[in-house]
C-alpha atoms as a PDB file:
ATOM      1  CA  MET A   1      68.848 106.852 129.803  1.00  0.00           C
ATOM      2  CA  ARG A   2      68.081 103.427 128.345  1.00  0.00           C
ATOM      3  CA  ARG A   3      67.296 105.010 124.963  1.00  0.00           C
ATOM      4  CA  MET A   4      70.685 106.767 124.996  1.00  0.00           C
ATOM      5  CA  ALA A   5      72.464 103.452 125.670  1.00  0.00           C
ATOM      6  CA  VAL A   6      70.671 101.866 122.711  1.00  0.00           C
ATOM      7  CA  VAL A   7      71.661 104.773 120.425  1.00  0.00           C
ATOM      8  CA  VAL A   8      75.295 104.565 121.551  1.00  0.00           C
ATOM      9  CA  SER A   9      75.309 100.797 120.971  1.00  0.00           C
ATOM     10  CA  LEU A  10      73.849 101.222 117.484  1.00  0.00           C
ATOM     11  CA  LEU A  11      76.373 103.910 116.574  1.00  0.00           C
ATOM     12  CA  ALA A  12      79.232 101.715 117.785  1.00  0.00           C
ATOM     13  CA  ALA A  13      77.932  98.794 115.720  1.00  0.00           C
ATOM     14  CA  VAL A  14      77.607 100.955 112.587  1.00  0.00           C
ATOM     15  CA  ALA A  15      81.137 102.322 113.052  1.00  0.00           C
ATOM     16  CA  ALA A  16      82.550  98.826 113.487  1.00  0.00           C
ATOM     17  CA  CYS A  17      80.772  97.551 110.400  1.00  0.00           C
ATOM     18  CA  SER A  18      81.793 100.474 108.234  1.00  0.00           C
ATOM     19  CA  SER A  19      85.479 100.302 109.177  1.00  0.00           C
ATOM     20  CA  ASN A  20      85.545  96.551 108.567  1.00  0.00           C
ATOM     21  CA  ALA A  21      83.817  96.980 105.197  1.00  0.00           C
ATOM     22  CA  VAL A  22      86.833  98.744 103.673  1.00  0.00           C
ATOM     23  CA  GLU A  23      89.176  96.305 101.985  1.00  0.00           C
ATOM     24  CA  PRO A  24      92.851  97.317 101.834  1.00  0.00           C
ATOM     25  CA  GLN A  25      94.313  97.782  98.357  1.00  0.00           C
ATOM     26  CA  THR A  26      97.923  97.317  99.456  1.00  0.00           C
ATOM     27  CA  PRO A  27      99.056  93.685  99.398  1.00  0.00           C
ATOM     28  CA  ALA A  28     100.092  91.980 102.628  1.00  0.00           C
ATOM     29  CA  LEU A  29     103.405  93.183 103.988  1.00  0.00           C
ATOM     30  CA  PRO A  30     106.171  90.589 103.870  1.00  0.00           C
ATOM     31  CA  GLU A  31     107.128  89.347 107.313  1.00  0.00           C
ATOM     32  CA  ILE A  32     110.731  89.897 108.307  1.00  0.00           C
ATOM     33  CA  ASP A  33     112.951  88.246 110.867  1.00  0.00           C
ATOM     34  CA  LEU A  34     116.243  89.413 112.297  1.00  0.00           C
ATOM     35  CA  ALA A  35     118.460  87.360 109.968  1.00  0.00           C
ATOM     36  CA  THR A  36     116.663  88.663 106.875  1.00  0.00           C
ATOM     37  CA  PHE A  37     116.850  92.253 108.116  1.00  0.00           C
ATOM     38  CA  GLN A  38     120.557  91.947 108.871  1.00  0.00           C
ATOM     39  CA  GLN A  39     121.150  90.519 105.395  1.00  0.00           C
ATOM     40  CA  THR A  40     119.131  93.372 103.859  1.00  0.00           C
ATOM     41  CA  MET A  41     121.315  95.906 105.677  1.00  0.00           C
ATOM     42  CA  ALA A  42     124.507  94.070 104.645  1.00  0.00           C
ATOM     43  CA  ASP A  43     123.399  94.121 100.993  1.00  0.00           C
ATOM     44  CA  LEU A  44     122.754  97.875 100.920  1.00  0.00           C
ATOM     45  CA  GLU A  45     124.255  99.742  97.998  1.00  0.00           C
ATOM     46  CA  ARG A  46     123.286 103.145  99.357  1.00  0.00           C
ATOM     47  CA  PRO A  47     122.441 104.645 102.766  1.00  0.00           C
ATOM     48  CA  ALA A  48     119.082 103.801 104.320  1.00  0.00           C
ATOM     49  CA  VAL A  49     116.413 105.396 106.468  1.00  0.00           C
ATOM     50  CA  VAL A  50     114.462 102.760 108.390  1.00  0.00           C
ATOM     51  CA  ASN A  51     111.241 104.018 109.955  1.00  0.00           C
ATOM     52  CA  VAL A  52     109.399 101.958 112.570  1.00  0.00           C
ATOM     53  CA  TRP A  53     105.659 102.639 112.656  1.00  0.00           C
ATOM     54  CA  ALA A  54     102.254 101.204 113.474  1.00  0.00           C
ATOM     55  CA  SER A  55      98.833 102.075 112.080  1.00  0.00           C
ATOM     56  CA  TRP A  56      97.410 102.794 115.553  1.00  0.00           C
ATOM     57  CA  CYS A  57     100.237 105.229 116.391  1.00  0.00           C
ATOM     58  CA  LEU A  58      99.017 108.842 116.070  1.00  0.00           C
ATOM     59  CA  PRO A  59     102.549 110.311 115.912  1.00  0.00           C
ATOM     60  CA  CYS A  60     103.346 107.810 113.124  1.00  0.00           C
ATOM     61  CA  ARG A  61     100.373 109.122 111.192  1.00  0.00           C
ATOM     62  CA  ALA A  62     101.643 112.691 111.705  1.00  0.00           C
ATOM     63  CA  GLU A  63     105.092 111.917 110.278  1.00  0.00           C
ATOM     64  CA  ALA A  64     103.933 109.779 107.329  1.00  0.00           C
ATOM     65  CA  PRO A  65     103.517 112.742 104.922  1.00  0.00           C
ATOM     66  CA  LEU A  66     107.052 113.897 105.789  1.00  0.00           C
ATOM     67  CA  LEU A  67     108.460 110.463 104.953  1.00  0.00           C
ATOM     68  CA  GLN A  68     106.533 110.445 101.701  1.00  0.00           C
ATOM     69  CA  ALA A  69     108.004 113.852 100.768  1.00  0.00           C
ATOM     70  CA  ALA A  70     111.528 112.786 101.793  1.00  0.00           C
ATOM     71  CA  HIS A  71     111.247 109.678  99.652  1.00  0.00           C
ATOM     72  CA  ALA A  72     110.119 111.803  96.692  1.00  0.00           C
ATOM     73  CA  GLU A  73     113.152 114.070  97.135  1.00  0.00           C
ATOM     74  CA  TYR A  74     115.875 111.581  98.122  1.00  0.00           C
ATOM     75  CA  GLY A  75     114.549 108.187  97.017  1.00  0.00           C
ATOM     76  CA  ASP A  76     117.045 107.964  94.172  1.00  0.00           C
ATOM     77  CA  ARG A  77     119.983 108.290  96.632  1.00  0.00           C
ATOM     78  CA  ILE A  78     118.629 106.904  99.912  1.00  0.00           C
ATOM     79  CA  GLU A  79     116.906 103.584 100.522  1.00  0.00           C
ATOM     80  CA  PHE A  80     113.707 104.011 102.559  1.00  0.00           C
ATOM     81  CA  ILE A  81     112.410 101.018 104.512  1.00  0.00           C
ATOM     82  CA  GLY A  82     109.356 100.820 106.747  1.00  0.00           C
ATOM     83  CA  LEU A  83     109.029  98.380 109.636  1.00  0.00           C
ATOM     84  CA  ASP A  84     105.485  97.887 110.881  1.00  0.00           C
ATOM     85  CA  PHE A  85     105.517  96.780 114.504  1.00  0.00           C
ATOM     86  CA  ASN A  86     102.914  95.427 116.918  1.00  0.00           C
ATOM     87  CA  ASP A  87     100.105  95.801 114.421  1.00  0.00           C
ATOM     88  CA  SER A  88      97.715  93.810 112.285  1.00  0.00           C
ATOM     89  CA  GLN A  89      98.263  93.187 108.593  1.00  0.00           C
ATOM     90  CA  ARG A  90      94.899  94.785 107.870  1.00  0.00           C
ATOM     91  CA  GLY A  91      95.714  97.903 109.891  1.00  0.00           C
ATOM     92  CA  ALA A  92      99.125  98.182 108.248  1.00  0.00           C
ATOM     93  CA  ARG A  93      97.670  97.809 104.762  1.00  0.00           C
ATOM     94  CA  LEU A  94      94.975 100.425 105.394  1.00  0.00           C
ATOM     95  CA  PHE A  95      97.645 102.798 106.762  1.00  0.00           C
ATOM     96  CA  LEU A  96      99.706 102.381 103.584  1.00  0.00           C
ATOM     97  CA  ASP A  97      96.587 102.873 101.445  1.00  0.00           C
ATOM     98  CA  GLU A  98      95.903 106.127 103.269  1.00  0.00           C
ATOM     99  CA  PHE A  99      99.418 107.581 103.181  1.00  0.00           C
ATOM    100  CA  ASP A 100     100.735 106.086  99.926  1.00  0.00           C
ATOM    101  CA  LEU A 101     104.271 105.495 101.196  1.00  0.00           C
ATOM    102  CA  PRO A 102     105.920 104.174  98.012  1.00  0.00           C
ATOM    103  CA  PHE A 103     108.833 102.283  99.548  1.00  0.00           C
ATOM    104  CA  ILE A 104     109.228  98.759 100.874  1.00  0.00           C
ATOM    105  CA  HIS A 105     107.581  97.952 104.194  1.00  0.00           C
ATOM    106  CA  TYR A 106     108.057  94.853 106.295  1.00  0.00           C
ATOM    107  CA  PHE A 107     105.885  93.331 109.005  1.00  0.00           C
ATOM    108  CA  ASP A 108     107.839  92.777 112.262  1.00  0.00           C
ATOM    109  CA  GLN A 109     104.976  91.427 114.349  1.00  0.00           C
ATOM    110  CA  ALA A 110     107.262  89.543 116.741  1.00  0.00           C
ATOM    111  CA  GLY A 111     109.398  92.640 117.308  1.00  0.00           C
ATOM    112  CA  GLU A 112     112.596  90.673 116.708  1.00  0.00           C
ATOM    113  CA  VAL A 113     114.169  93.332 114.478  1.00  0.00           C
ATOM    114  CA  ILE A 114     113.005  96.193 116.670  1.00  0.00           C
ATOM    115  CA  ALA A 115     114.432  94.530 119.801  1.00  0.00           C
ATOM    116  CA  ASP A 116     117.793  94.031 118.091  1.00  0.00           C
ATOM    117  CA  LEU A 117     117.875  97.701 117.104  1.00  0.00           C
ATOM    118  CA  GLY A 118     117.395  98.644 120.739  1.00  0.00           C
ATOM    119  CA  GLY A 119     113.827  99.660 121.354  1.00  0.00           C
ATOM    120  CA  PHE A 120     110.130  99.037 121.060  1.00  0.00           C
ATOM    121  CA  GLY A 121     108.581 102.500 120.882  1.00  0.00           C
ATOM    122  CA  VAL A 122     107.024 103.954 117.777  1.00  0.00           C
ATOM    123  CA  PRO A 123     107.756 106.008 115.858  1.00  0.00           C
ATOM    124  CA  ARG A 124     111.470 105.451 115.713  1.00  0.00           C
ATOM    125  CA  THR A 125     113.821 106.169 112.816  1.00  0.00           C
ATOM    126  CA  TYR A 126     117.207 104.571 112.154  1.00  0.00           C
ATOM    127  CA  PHE A 127     119.852 105.872 109.776  1.00  0.00           C
ATOM    128  CA  PHE A 128     122.215 103.362 108.170  1.00  0.00           C
ATOM    129  CA  ALA A 129     125.363 104.028 106.144  1.00  0.00           C
ATOM    130  CA  ALA A 130     125.720 102.304 102.772  1.00  0.00           C
ATOM    131  CA  ASP A 131     127.859  99.604 104.406  1.00  0.00           C
ATOM    132  CA  GLY A 132     124.989  98.714 106.759  1.00  0.00           C
ATOM    133  CA  GLU A 133     126.428 100.437 109.833  1.00  0.00           C
ATOM    134  CA  LEU A 134     123.816 101.971 112.128  1.00  0.00           C
ATOM    135  CA  VAL A 135     124.808 105.640 112.319  1.00  0.00           C
ATOM    136  CA  LYS A 136     121.978 107.354 114.199  1.00  0.00           C
ATOM    137  CA  THR A 137     118.723 106.567 116.006  1.00  0.00           C
ATOM    138  CA  HIS A 138     115.890 109.060 116.394  1.00  0.00           C
ATOM    139  CA  ASN A 139     113.219 108.280 119.003  1.00  0.00           C
ATOM    140  CA  GLY A 140     109.763 109.757 118.553  1.00  0.00           C
ATOM    141  CA  VAL A 141     108.289 111.852 115.762  1.00  0.00           C
ATOM    142  CA  ILE A 142     110.943 113.159 113.417  1.00  0.00           C
ATOM    143  CA  ASP A 143     110.640 116.679 112.073  1.00  0.00           C
ATOM    144  CA  GLU A 144     111.587 117.907 108.617  1.00  0.00           C
ATOM    145  CA  GLN A 145     114.795 119.629 109.715  1.00  0.00           C
ATOM    146  CA  THR A 146     116.122 116.618 111.637  1.00  0.00           C
ATOM    147  CA  LEU A 147     115.287 114.214 108.821  1.00  0.00           C
ATOM    148  CA  ALA A 148     116.959 116.449 106.218  1.00  0.00           C
ATOM    149  CA  LEU A 149     120.056 116.878 108.419  1.00  0.00           C
ATOM    150  CA  GLN A 150     120.422 113.140 108.998  1.00  0.00           C
ATOM    151  CA  ILE A 151     119.926 112.352 105.305  1.00  0.00           C
ATOM    152  CA  ASP A 152     122.501 114.992 104.400  1.00  0.00           C
ATOM    153  CA  GLU A 153     124.973 113.424 106.834  1.00  0.00           C
ATOM    154  CA  LEU A 154     124.367 109.986 105.306  1.00  0.00           C
ATOM    155  CA  LEU A 155     124.923 111.312 101.789  1.00  0.00           C
ATOM    156  CA  ASN A 156     128.153 113.045 102.781  1.00  0.00           C
ATOM    157  CA  ARG A 157     129.771 110.050 104.556  1.00  0.00           C
END
């Protein structure tokens, strides 16, 4: 029994060392406050999809490839913005390294922006018209059909 505890302890130490040994390639995410976010939304020239995520969130990890594909298809007509919430910079940067989400991401550690938008859960996706008006909120993992429908509605406003 004692030998098993030692093996488990060693494995845990090796896992901790190996995960900390990886250095993120993505630069630190810029921190955002409510005033800056509101100004960003007011300055929009096209509709926006704002996705709230965290590196520790398994559903966020599941929807990341969908967001990457949507950006590839609609990124010339829709602004995509990521808001990392309740996370560490390192975790966020490693997440972005892994999923290669090629749009702007902000760090909302304090949750000020998220609170103003009406929630704290992740994932959460907000759809904004080109004039900055919040049109739709989607709580939880978004599927391909729902994302495409909401983007289509934004483009046809």
